[in-house]
Amino acid sequence: MTRRTFEQLLQLAIVVCLTLGAGALLAQTITPDSPCGERATGRRIDGRITTEQAPGWHVDRDGGWTTCQMPVAADRPCQVPAQQWSWAGVTCTAPAGPPMTHSAMRMVRTRPGPVEGLAVLQCTDGAVSIRVSTCNAALMCEASTYEATDDGGATTWRWAGRLREGERSTANSDDGRARLIECKAGALRLL
């Protein structure tokens, strides 16, 4: 063997060792079986080694980049605090309610008073949103038991029923007296 042949073989051996050594080094940086969508290092189809993070991609058990199914986010329930919304310049409020499950919808109403309205709520991943609503000045007064006094509690006036805006009726006291009441701005009042 000549010196030149020996040098060529030595150079070839060095190149092989460096190539194998570099390959072993690169193989150590690859993160096989990486979680879907997480940062990982893998071999692209063109042979390049890259470190990336992309939804729907991961490094498979052989070290190559491939598509994957992203995990589904946990469906979180919603706490339902008091809700407030406005429509046509009128503001309505509904009281807090029981929790809702993810994707559930619920209708809420205002309490009886000078405004009346309703809203449809939806729970999406832990957050409540109002999908549709309406809010108006009350056109009716309604009471299952209306009790009022204007003399420090000496006389209590009672009435039950429904009146349209501006309509009047008669409330009665325990001693049999009668007094007019009126529906005004969604609230009953003694006249």
N, C-alpha and C. Protein backbone atom coordinates (compact mmCIF):
# COMPACT_ATOMS: atom_id res chain seq x y z
N MET A 1 0.85 -1.15 0.00
CA MET A 1 0.00 0.00 0.00
C MET A 1 0.91 1.23 0.00
N THR A 2 0.56 2.15 -0.83
CA THR A 2 1.38 3.36 -0.93
C THR A 2 0.90 4.36 0.10
N ARG A 3 1.76 5.30 0.27
CA ARG A 3 1.42 6.33 1.25
C ARG A 3 0.16 7.09 0.80
N ARG A 4 0.07 7.32 -0.47
CA ARG A 4 -1.09 8.05 -0.99
C ARG A 4 -2.36 7.25 -0.75
N THR A 5 -2.36 5.96 -1.00
CA THR A 5 -3.52 5.11 -0.77
C THR A 5 -3.86 5.10 0.71
N PHE A 6 -2.83 5.04 1.53
CA PHE A 6 -3.04 5.05 2.98
C PHE A 6 -3.72 6.36 3.42
N GLU A 7 -3.27 7.50 2.89
CA GLU A 7 -3.86 8.79 3.23
C GLU A 7 -5.31 8.88 2.75
N GLN A 8 -5.58 8.32 1.56
CA GLN A 8 -6.94 8.34 1.06
C GLN A 8 -7.86 7.48 1.93
N LEU A 9 -7.38 6.31 2.33
CA LEU A 9 -8.15 5.43 3.21
C LEU A 9 -8.37 6.10 4.58
N LEU A 10 -7.35 6.76 5.06
CA LEU A 10 -7.45 7.45 6.34
C LEU A 10 -8.48 8.59 6.25
N GLN A 11 -8.43 9.35 5.16
CA GLN A 11 -9.41 10.42 4.97
C GLN A 11 -10.82 9.86 4.87
N LEU A 12 -10.97 8.75 4.15
CA LEU A 12 -12.27 8.11 4.02
C LEU A 12 -12.77 7.64 5.38
N ALA A 13 -11.86 7.07 6.17
CA ALA A 13 -12.22 6.60 7.52
C ALA A 13 -12.66 7.77 8.40
N ILE A 14 -11.93 8.89 8.28
CA ILE A 14 -12.29 10.07 9.07
C ILE A 14 -13.67 10.58 8.66
N VAL A 15 -13.91 10.65 7.35
CA VAL A 15 -15.21 11.11 6.87
C VAL A 15 -16.32 10.18 7.35
N VAL A 16 -16.10 8.86 7.27
CA VAL A 16 -17.10 7.89 7.74
C VAL A 16 -17.34 8.07 9.23
N CYS A 17 -16.27 8.21 9.99
CA CYS A 17 -16.42 8.37 11.44
C CYS A 17 -17.16 9.66 11.77
N LEU A 18 -16.78 10.74 11.07
CA LEU A 18 -17.46 12.01 11.32
C LEU A 18 -18.93 11.92 10.93
N THR A 19 -19.20 11.29 9.80
CA THR A 19 -20.58 11.15 9.35
C THR A 19 -21.38 10.31 10.33
N LEU A 20 -20.82 9.18 10.72
CA LEU A 20 -21.52 8.32 11.68
C LEU A 20 -21.63 9.02 13.03
N GLY A 21 -20.57 9.70 13.42
CA GLY A 21 -20.60 10.41 14.70
C GLY A 21 -21.62 11.54 14.67
N ALA A 22 -21.67 12.29 13.59
CA ALA A 22 -22.65 13.37 13.46
C ALA A 22 -24.06 12.81 13.42
N GLY A 23 -24.23 11.70 12.72
CA GLY A 23 -25.54 11.05 12.67
C GLY A 23 -25.97 10.61 14.06
N ALA A 24 -25.03 10.04 14.81
CA ALA A 24 -25.35 9.62 16.18
C ALA A 24 -25.69 10.83 17.03
N LEU A 25 -24.94 11.93 16.82
CA LEU A 25 -25.22 13.15 17.57
C LEU A 25 -26.60 13.69 17.21
N LEU A 26 -26.92 13.71 15.91
CA LEU A 26 -28.23 14.19 15.48
C LEU A 26 -29.34 13.27 15.99
N ALA A 27 -29.09 11.96 15.98
CA ALA A 27 -30.10 11.02 16.45
C ALA A 27 -30.40 11.25 17.92
N GLN A 28 -29.44 11.74 18.67
CA GLN A 28 -29.66 12.00 20.09
C GLN A 28 -30.56 13.23 20.29
N THR A 29 -30.54 14.17 19.34
CA THR A 29 -31.34 15.38 19.52
C THR A 29 -32.79 15.17 19.06
N ILE A 30 -33.06 14.14 18.28
CA ILE A 30 -34.43 13.87 17.82
C ILE A 30 -35.27 13.45 19.02
N THR A 31 -36.50 13.95 19.06
CA THR A 31 -37.41 13.62 20.16
C THR A 31 -38.54 12.74 19.63
N PRO A 32 -38.33 11.42 19.59
CA PRO A 32 -39.36 10.53 19.05
C PRO A 32 -40.59 10.49 19.94
N ASP A 33 -41.74 10.20 19.32
CA ASP A 33 -43.03 10.09 20.02
C ASP A 33 -43.36 11.36 20.81
N SER A 34 -43.12 12.51 20.19
CA SER A 34 -43.42 13.77 20.88
C SER A 34 -44.93 13.97 20.94
N PRO A 35 -45.43 14.68 21.96
CA PRO A 35 -46.87 14.96 22.04
C PRO A 35 -47.30 15.84 20.86
N CYS A 36 -48.50 15.65 20.41
CA CYS A 36 -49.04 16.38 19.27
C CYS A 36 -49.07 17.88 19.56
N GLY A 37 -48.50 18.66 18.65
CA GLY A 37 -48.52 20.11 18.77
C GLY A 37 -47.46 20.69 19.69
N GLU A 38 -46.64 19.85 20.32
CA GLU A 38 -45.60 20.33 21.24
C GLU A 38 -44.29 20.55 20.49
N ARG A 39 -43.41 21.35 21.07
CA ARG A 39 -42.09 21.61 20.47
C ARG A 39 -41.29 20.31 20.48
N ALA A 40 -40.67 19.98 19.32
CA ALA A 40 -39.91 18.73 19.19
C ALA A 40 -38.88 18.87 18.08
N THR A 41 -37.96 17.92 18.05
CA THR A 41 -36.93 17.87 17.01
C THR A 41 -37.11 16.58 16.24
N GLY A 42 -37.15 16.68 14.91
CA GLY A 42 -37.35 15.49 14.09
C GLY A 42 -36.79 15.66 12.70
N ARG A 43 -36.85 14.59 11.93
CA ARG A 43 -36.32 14.55 10.57
C ARG A 43 -37.45 14.84 9.57
N ARG A 44 -37.21 15.84 8.73
CA ARG A 44 -38.17 16.17 7.68
C ARG A 44 -38.04 15.19 6.54
N ILE A 45 -38.97 15.21 5.62
CA ILE A 45 -38.96 14.28 4.50
C ILE A 45 -37.73 14.46 3.61
N ASP A 46 -37.17 15.70 3.59
CA ASP A 46 -35.97 15.95 2.79
C ASP A 46 -34.69 15.58 3.53
N GLY A 47 -34.83 15.03 4.75
CA GLY A 47 -33.68 14.56 5.52
C GLY A 47 -33.14 15.58 6.51
N ARG A 48 -33.58 16.84 6.42
CA ARG A 48 -33.09 17.85 7.36
C ARG A 48 -33.66 17.60 8.75
N ILE A 49 -32.86 17.89 9.78
CA ILE A 49 -33.31 17.79 11.16
C ILE A 49 -33.74 19.19 11.58
N THR A 50 -35.00 19.32 12.06
CA THR A 50 -35.52 20.63 12.46
C THR A 50 -36.20 20.53 13.82
N THR A 51 -36.17 21.64 14.53
CA THR A 51 -36.90 21.77 15.79
C THR A 51 -38.03 22.75 15.54
N GLU A 52 -39.27 22.30 15.79
CA GLU A 52 -40.44 23.11 15.48
C GLU A 52 -41.55 22.85 16.49
N GLN A 53 -42.56 23.66 16.42
CA GLN A 53 -43.79 23.46 17.16
C GLN A 53 -44.93 23.93 16.29
N ALA A 54 -45.86 23.02 15.96
CA ALA A 54 -46.98 23.38 15.10
C ALA A 54 -48.19 22.53 15.47
N PRO A 55 -49.37 23.13 15.54
CA PRO A 55 -50.57 22.36 15.83
C PRO A 55 -50.77 21.26 14.77
N GLY A 56 -51.09 20.08 15.21
CA GLY A 56 -51.36 18.98 14.29
C GLY A 56 -50.13 18.26 13.77
N TRP A 57 -48.94 18.55 14.33
CA TRP A 57 -47.70 17.88 13.92
C TRP A 57 -46.96 17.35 15.13
N HIS A 58 -46.24 16.22 14.95
CA HIS A 58 -45.38 15.67 16.00
C HIS A 58 -44.31 14.80 15.35
N VAL A 59 -43.31 14.41 16.16
CA VAL A 59 -42.27 13.50 15.68
C VAL A 59 -42.70 12.09 16.06
N ASP A 60 -42.76 11.19 15.05
CA ASP A 60 -43.21 9.81 15.32
C ASP A 60 -42.09 8.98 15.95
N ARG A 61 -42.35 7.71 16.22
CA ARG A 61 -41.38 6.85 16.91
C ARG A 61 -40.11 6.62 16.10
N ASP A 62 -40.16 6.82 14.76
CA ASP A 62 -38.98 6.66 13.91
C ASP A 62 -38.20 7.96 13.77
N GLY A 63 -38.66 9.04 14.39
CA GLY A 63 -37.94 10.31 14.37
C GLY A 63 -38.35 11.24 13.25
N GLY A 64 -39.38 10.89 12.48
CA GLY A 64 -39.82 11.74 11.38
C GLY A 64 -41.03 12.57 11.74
N TRP A 65 -41.12 13.75 11.12
CA TRP A 65 -42.28 14.61 11.32
C TRP A 65 -43.49 14.01 10.62
N THR A 66 -44.65 14.02 11.29
CA THR A 66 -45.88 13.51 10.71
C THR A 66 -47.07 14.22 11.35
N THR A 67 -48.23 14.14 10.70
CA THR A 67 -49.42 14.79 11.24
C THR A 67 -49.98 13.96 12.40
N CYS A 68 -50.74 14.63 13.25
CA CYS A 68 -51.35 13.96 14.41
C CYS A 68 -52.66 14.64 14.76
N GLN A 69 -53.44 14.00 15.60
CA GLN A 69 -54.73 14.53 16.06
C GLN A 69 -54.49 15.32 17.33
N MET A 70 -54.83 16.61 17.31
CA MET A 70 -54.67 17.44 18.50
C MET A 70 -55.63 16.97 19.59
N PRO A 71 -55.19 16.97 20.85
CA PRO A 71 -56.10 16.58 21.93
C PRO A 71 -57.24 17.58 22.05
N VAL A 72 -58.40 17.10 22.41
CA VAL A 72 -59.59 17.94 22.57
C VAL A 72 -59.50 18.63 23.93
N ALA A 73 -59.76 19.93 23.94
CA ALA A 73 -59.74 20.67 25.20
C ALA A 73 -60.86 20.18 26.10
N ALA A 74 -60.59 20.19 27.38
CA ALA A 74 -61.61 19.77 28.34
C ALA A 74 -62.78 20.75 28.30
N ASP A 75 -63.97 20.24 28.29
CA ASP A 75 -65.16 21.07 28.27
C ASP A 75 -65.45 21.54 29.69
N ARG A 76 -65.19 22.81 29.96
CA ARG A 76 -65.35 23.33 31.31
C ARG A 76 -66.76 23.88 31.52
N PRO A 77 -67.36 23.63 32.69
CA PRO A 77 -68.67 24.19 33.00
C PRO A 77 -68.54 25.69 33.29
N CYS A 78 -69.67 26.37 33.38
CA CYS A 78 -69.68 27.81 33.62
C CYS A 78 -70.40 28.14 34.92
N GLN A 79 -69.84 29.05 35.69
CA GLN A 79 -70.56 29.67 36.79
C GLN A 79 -71.40 30.77 36.14
N VAL A 80 -72.59 31.02 36.67
CA VAL A 80 -73.48 32.01 36.05
C VAL A 80 -73.70 33.17 37.02
N PRO A 81 -72.90 34.24 36.88
CA PRO A 81 -73.11 35.41 37.74
C PRO A 81 -74.32 36.21 37.25
N ALA A 82 -74.69 37.25 37.98
CA ALA A 82 -75.77 38.13 37.54
C ALA A 82 -75.40 38.66 36.16
N GLN A 83 -76.40 38.76 35.29
CA GLN A 83 -76.17 39.21 33.92
C GLN A 83 -76.81 40.58 33.71
N GLN A 84 -76.16 41.41 32.92
CA GLN A 84 -76.71 42.72 32.58
C GLN A 84 -76.55 42.93 31.08
N TRP A 85 -77.60 43.44 30.44
CA TRP A 85 -77.55 43.70 29.02
C TRP A 85 -78.44 44.89 28.71
N SER A 86 -78.20 45.52 27.59
CA SER A 86 -79.00 46.68 27.16
C SER A 86 -79.56 46.41 25.77
N TRP A 87 -80.72 46.96 25.55
CA TRP A 87 -81.36 46.84 24.24
C TRP A 87 -82.22 48.07 24.05
N ALA A 88 -82.06 48.75 22.95
CA ALA A 88 -82.84 49.94 22.62
C ALA A 88 -82.78 50.99 23.73
N GLY A 89 -81.61 51.14 24.34
CA GLY A 89 -81.43 52.16 25.37
C GLY A 89 -81.95 51.80 26.75
N VAL A 90 -82.46 50.61 26.93
CA VAL A 90 -82.97 50.17 28.23
C VAL A 90 -82.04 49.06 28.75
N THR A 91 -81.68 49.13 30.03
CA THR A 91 -80.78 48.14 30.62
C THR A 91 -81.55 47.19 31.51
N CYS A 92 -81.29 45.90 31.33
CA CYS A 92 -81.93 44.84 32.12
C CYS A 92 -80.88 44.09 32.92
N THR A 93 -81.31 43.51 34.04
CA THR A 93 -80.44 42.70 34.88
C THR A 93 -81.19 41.45 35.30
N ALA A 94 -80.50 40.31 35.23
CA ALA A 94 -81.06 39.04 35.71
C ALA A 94 -80.17 38.54 36.84
N PRO A 95 -80.76 37.90 37.85
CA PRO A 95 -79.96 37.43 38.98
C PRO A 95 -79.04 36.28 38.59
N ALA A 96 -78.04 36.03 39.45
CA ALA A 96 -77.13 34.89 39.25
C ALA A 96 -77.95 33.60 39.26
N GLY A 97 -77.42 32.60 38.58
CA GLY A 97 -78.14 31.32 38.49
C GLY A 97 -77.21 30.15 38.74
N PRO A 98 -77.76 28.93 38.69
CA PRO A 98 -76.95 27.74 38.91
C PRO A 98 -75.95 27.53 37.77
N PRO A 99 -74.87 26.76 38.01
CA PRO A 99 -73.88 26.51 36.97
C PRO A 99 -74.50 25.84 35.74
N MET A 100 -73.81 26.01 34.60
CA MET A 100 -74.24 25.41 33.33
C MET A 100 -73.13 24.49 32.84
N THR A 101 -73.51 23.44 32.12
CA THR A 101 -72.52 22.57 31.51
C THR A 101 -72.05 23.18 30.19
N HIS A 102 -70.88 22.75 29.73
CA HIS A 102 -70.33 23.24 28.47
C HIS A 102 -71.34 23.03 27.34
N SER A 103 -71.52 24.02 26.52
CA SER A 103 -72.39 24.09 25.34
C SER A 103 -73.89 24.19 25.69
N ALA A 104 -74.23 24.25 26.98
CA ALA A 104 -75.64 24.39 27.36
C ALA A 104 -76.11 25.82 27.09
N MET A 105 -77.43 25.95 26.87
CA MET A 105 -78.04 27.26 26.70
C MET A 105 -79.17 27.39 27.72
N ARG A 106 -79.41 28.61 28.19
CA ARG A 106 -80.45 28.85 29.20
C ARG A 106 -81.04 30.24 28.98
N MET A 107 -82.36 30.34 29.19
CA MET A 107 -83.02 31.63 29.12
C MET A 107 -83.14 32.20 30.53
N VAL A 108 -82.79 33.47 30.70
CA VAL A 108 -82.94 34.16 31.98
C VAL A 108 -83.84 35.37 31.77
N ARG A 109 -84.54 35.76 32.85
CA ARG A 109 -85.47 36.90 32.80
C ARG A 109 -85.14 37.88 33.90
N THR A 110 -85.57 39.10 33.70
CA THR A 110 -85.45 40.11 34.75
C THR A 110 -86.48 39.81 35.83
N ARG A 111 -86.24 40.33 37.03
CA ARG A 111 -87.25 40.25 38.09
C ARG A 111 -88.33 41.28 37.76
N PRO A 112 -89.56 41.08 38.26
CA PRO A 112 -90.61 42.06 37.99
C PRO A 112 -90.19 43.46 38.44
N GLY A 113 -90.49 44.45 37.64
CA GLY A 113 -90.11 45.82 37.95
C GLY A 113 -90.34 46.73 36.78
N PRO A 114 -89.68 47.88 36.74
CA PRO A 114 -89.93 48.87 35.70
C PRO A 114 -89.42 48.47 34.31
N VAL A 115 -88.56 47.46 34.25
CA VAL A 115 -88.12 46.93 32.95
C VAL A 115 -88.37 45.43 32.93
N GLU A 116 -88.59 44.92 31.73
CA GLU A 116 -88.73 43.48 31.59
C GLU A 116 -87.91 43.06 30.38
N GLY A 117 -87.24 41.94 30.53
CA GLY A 117 -86.41 41.47 29.43
C GLY A 117 -86.03 40.03 29.64
N LEU A 118 -85.47 39.47 28.58
CA LEU A 118 -84.95 38.12 28.68
C LEU A 118 -83.69 38.03 27.83
N ALA A 119 -82.86 37.06 28.18
CA ALA A 119 -81.61 36.82 27.45
C ALA A 119 -81.38 35.33 27.38
N VAL A 120 -80.78 34.88 26.30
CA VAL A 120 -80.39 33.48 26.16
C VAL A 120 -78.88 33.42 26.37
N LEU A 121 -78.48 32.66 27.39
CA LEU A 121 -77.07 32.50 27.72
C LEU A 121 -76.53 31.21 27.13
N GLN A 122 -75.23 31.18 26.81
CA GLN A 122 -74.58 29.95 26.36
C GLN A 122 -73.26 29.82 27.09
N CYS A 123 -72.95 28.58 27.51
CA CYS A 123 -71.69 28.27 28.18
C CYS A 123 -70.74 27.67 27.15
N THR A 124 -69.57 28.28 26.99
CA THR A 124 -68.56 27.77 26.07
C THR A 124 -67.22 27.75 26.78
N ASP A 125 -66.75 26.56 27.08
CA ASP A 125 -65.43 26.35 27.70
C ASP A 125 -65.20 27.26 28.91
N GLY A 126 -66.18 27.29 29.81
CA GLY A 126 -66.03 28.02 31.06
C GLY A 126 -66.45 29.48 31.02
N ALA A 127 -66.89 29.98 29.88
CA ALA A 127 -67.28 31.38 29.77
C ALA A 127 -68.75 31.49 29.33
N VAL A 128 -69.50 32.35 30.02
CA VAL A 128 -70.91 32.58 29.68
C VAL A 128 -71.00 33.76 28.73
N SER A 129 -71.79 33.61 27.68
CA SER A 129 -72.03 34.72 26.77
C SER A 129 -73.53 34.84 26.52
N ILE A 130 -73.97 36.05 26.20
CA ILE A 130 -75.37 36.30 25.86
C ILE A 130 -75.49 36.15 24.35
N ARG A 131 -76.32 35.21 23.92
CA ARG A 131 -76.48 34.93 22.48
C ARG A 131 -77.53 35.86 21.85
N VAL A 132 -78.62 36.11 22.56
CA VAL A 132 -79.68 36.99 22.06
C VAL A 132 -80.39 37.56 23.28
N SER A 133 -80.90 38.79 23.16
CA SER A 133 -81.57 39.39 24.32
C SER A 133 -82.57 40.44 23.85
N THR A 134 -83.44 40.80 24.78
CA THR A 134 -84.37 41.90 24.58
C THR A 134 -84.59 42.56 25.94
N CYS A 135 -84.89 43.85 25.93
CA CYS A 135 -85.10 44.59 27.18
C CYS A 135 -85.98 45.79 26.85
N ASN A 136 -87.09 45.92 27.58
CA ASN A 136 -88.05 47.00 27.32
C ASN A 136 -88.58 47.54 28.64
N ALA A 137 -89.12 48.75 28.56
CA ALA A 137 -89.85 49.28 29.70
C ALA A 137 -91.06 48.37 29.90
N ALA A 138 -91.35 48.05 31.14
CA ALA A 138 -92.44 47.12 31.44
C ALA A 138 -93.78 47.71 31.00
N LEU A 139 -94.57 46.89 30.37
CA LEU A 139 -95.90 47.30 29.94
C LEU A 139 -96.98 46.68 30.81
N MET A 140 -96.58 45.85 31.78
CA MET A 140 -97.50 45.16 32.67
C MET A 140 -96.96 45.21 34.09
N CYS A 141 -97.85 45.14 35.04
CA CYS A 141 -97.51 44.96 36.44
C CYS A 141 -98.17 43.66 36.87
N GLU A 142 -97.44 42.84 37.57
CA GLU A 142 -97.96 41.55 37.98
C GLU A 142 -97.50 41.26 39.40
N ALA A 143 -98.41 40.72 40.20
CA ALA A 143 -98.05 40.38 41.58
C ALA A 143 -98.90 39.21 42.05
N SER A 144 -98.23 38.22 42.65
CA SER A 144 -99.00 37.14 43.27
C SER A 144 -99.52 37.61 44.62
N THR A 145 -98.77 38.49 45.29
CA THR A 145 -99.22 39.14 46.51
C THR A 145 -98.55 40.50 46.59
N TYR A 146 -99.30 41.55 46.39
CA TYR A 146 -98.80 42.90 46.52
C TYR A 146 -99.23 43.42 47.88
N GLU A 147 -98.29 43.88 48.67
CA GLU A 147 -98.60 44.47 49.98
C GLU A 147 -97.90 45.82 50.06
N ALA A 148 -98.64 46.82 50.50
CA ALA A 148 -98.07 48.16 50.63
C ALA A 148 -98.67 48.86 51.83
N THR A 149 -97.92 49.79 52.36
CA THR A 149 -98.41 50.63 53.46
C THR A 149 -97.86 52.02 53.25
N ASP A 150 -98.62 53.02 53.66
CA ASP A 150 -98.12 54.40 53.56
C ASP A 150 -98.36 55.18 54.85
N ASP A 151 -98.71 54.45 55.91
CA ASP A 151 -98.97 55.11 57.20
C ASP A 151 -98.14 54.49 58.32
N GLY A 152 -96.92 54.11 57.98
CA GLY A 152 -96.01 53.55 59.00
C GLY A 152 -96.34 52.12 59.39
N GLY A 153 -97.15 51.45 58.63
CA GLY A 153 -97.45 50.05 58.90
C GLY A 153 -98.76 49.83 59.63
N ALA A 154 -99.50 50.90 59.93
CA ALA A 154 -100.78 50.74 60.62
C ALA A 154 -101.80 50.03 59.73
N THR A 155 -101.77 50.32 58.43
CA THR A 155 -102.70 49.69 57.48
C THR A 155 -101.90 49.03 56.37
N THR A 156 -102.21 47.76 56.06
CA THR A 156 -101.57 47.06 54.95
C THR A 156 -102.61 46.84 53.86
N TRP A 157 -102.25 47.27 52.65
CA TRP A 157 -103.12 47.10 51.49
C TRP A 157 -102.62 45.91 50.68
N ARG A 158 -103.56 45.01 50.30
CA ARG A 158 -103.18 43.78 49.59
C ARG A 158 -103.93 43.70 48.26
N TRP A 159 -103.21 43.13 47.28
CA TRP A 159 -103.80 42.94 45.96
C TRP A 159 -103.01 41.85 45.25
N ALA A 160 -103.64 41.11 44.34
CA ALA A 160 -102.97 40.10 43.51
C ALA A 160 -103.57 40.16 42.11
N GLY A 161 -102.74 40.03 41.10
CA GLY A 161 -103.23 40.02 39.73
C GLY A 161 -102.25 40.64 38.76
N ARG A 162 -102.81 41.09 37.62
CA ARG A 162 -102.01 41.66 36.54
C ARG A 162 -102.73 42.89 36.00
N LEU A 163 -101.97 43.97 35.81
CA LEU A 163 -102.51 45.20 35.23
C LEU A 163 -101.64 45.64 34.07
N ARG A 164 -102.28 46.26 33.06
CA ARG A 164 -101.51 46.87 31.98
C ARG A 164 -101.01 48.23 32.44
N GLU A 165 -100.00 48.75 31.76
CA GLU A 165 -99.45 50.07 32.07
C GLU A 165 -100.57 51.11 32.08
N GLY A 166 -100.66 51.89 33.18
CA GLY A 166 -101.68 52.93 33.33
C GLY A 166 -103.01 52.43 33.86
N GLU A 167 -103.21 51.14 33.95
CA GLU A 167 -104.48 50.57 34.42
C GLU A 167 -104.53 50.64 35.96
N ARG A 168 -105.76 50.73 36.48
CA ARG A 168 -105.95 50.81 37.94
C ARG A 168 -106.80 49.65 38.43
N SER A 169 -106.66 49.37 39.75
CA SER A 169 -107.47 48.35 40.40
C SER A 169 -107.64 48.76 41.85
N THR A 170 -108.29 47.88 42.62
CA THR A 170 -108.54 48.19 44.03
C THR A 170 -107.82 47.20 44.93
N ALA A 171 -107.06 47.76 45.89
CA ALA A 171 -106.43 46.94 46.92
C ALA A 171 -107.29 47.04 48.17
N ASN A 172 -107.27 45.99 48.98
CA ASN A 172 -108.11 45.95 50.19
C ASN A 172 -107.24 45.84 51.43
N SER A 173 -107.77 46.43 52.53
CA SER A 173 -107.08 46.33 53.82
C SER A 173 -107.74 45.22 54.64
N ASP A 174 -107.10 44.86 55.76
CA ASP A 174 -107.66 43.81 56.63
C ASP A 174 -108.99 44.23 57.26
N ASP A 175 -109.21 45.54 57.42
CA ASP A 175 -110.47 45.99 58.02
C ASP A 175 -111.56 46.25 56.97
N GLY A 176 -111.30 45.86 55.68
CA GLY A 176 -112.34 45.93 54.66
C GLY A 176 -112.35 47.20 53.83
N ARG A 177 -111.47 48.14 54.10
CA ARG A 177 -111.44 49.36 53.30
C ARG A 177 -110.80 49.07 51.94
N ALA A 178 -111.09 49.93 50.95
CA ALA A 178 -110.56 49.76 49.60
C ALA A 178 -109.76 51.01 49.20
N ARG A 179 -108.75 50.79 48.37
CA ARG A 179 -107.92 51.91 47.91
C ARG A 179 -107.44 51.60 46.50
N LEU A 180 -107.37 52.65 45.67
CA LEU A 180 -106.92 52.45 44.29
C LEU A 180 -105.40 52.24 44.23
N ILE A 181 -105.01 51.34 43.31
CA ILE A 181 -103.60 51.16 42.97
C ILE A 181 -103.48 51.32 41.46
N GLU A 182 -102.26 51.65 40.99
CA GLU A 182 -102.04 51.88 39.57
C GLU A 182 -100.73 51.22 39.13
N CYS A 183 -100.72 50.77 37.88
CA CYS A 183 -99.50 50.25 37.26
C CYS A 183 -98.82 51.41 36.57
N LYS A 184 -97.64 51.81 37.04
CA LYS A 184 -96.90 52.95 36.48
C LYS A 184 -95.45 52.56 36.30
N ALA A 185 -94.98 52.58 35.06
CA ALA A 185 -93.58 52.23 34.73
C ALA A 185 -93.22 50.85 35.24
N GLY A 186 -94.17 49.92 35.17
CA GLY A 186 -93.89 48.54 35.55
C GLY A 186 -93.95 48.26 37.04
N ALA A 187 -94.35 49.23 37.83
CA ALA A 187 -94.43 49.04 39.29
C ALA A 187 -95.82 49.45 39.77
N LEU A 188 -96.33 48.72 40.77
CA LEU A 188 -97.63 49.04 41.38
C LEU A 188 -97.39 50.13 42.42
N ARG A 189 -98.36 51.08 42.50
CA ARG A 189 -98.26 52.11 43.55
C ARG A 189 -99.65 52.47 44.04
N LEU A 190 -99.71 52.83 45.31
CA LEU A 190 -100.97 53.26 45.91
C LEU A 190 -101.30 54.67 45.42
N LEU A 191 -102.60 54.92 45.20
CA LEU A 191 -103.04 56.28 44.82
C LEU A 191 -103.69 56.95 45.99
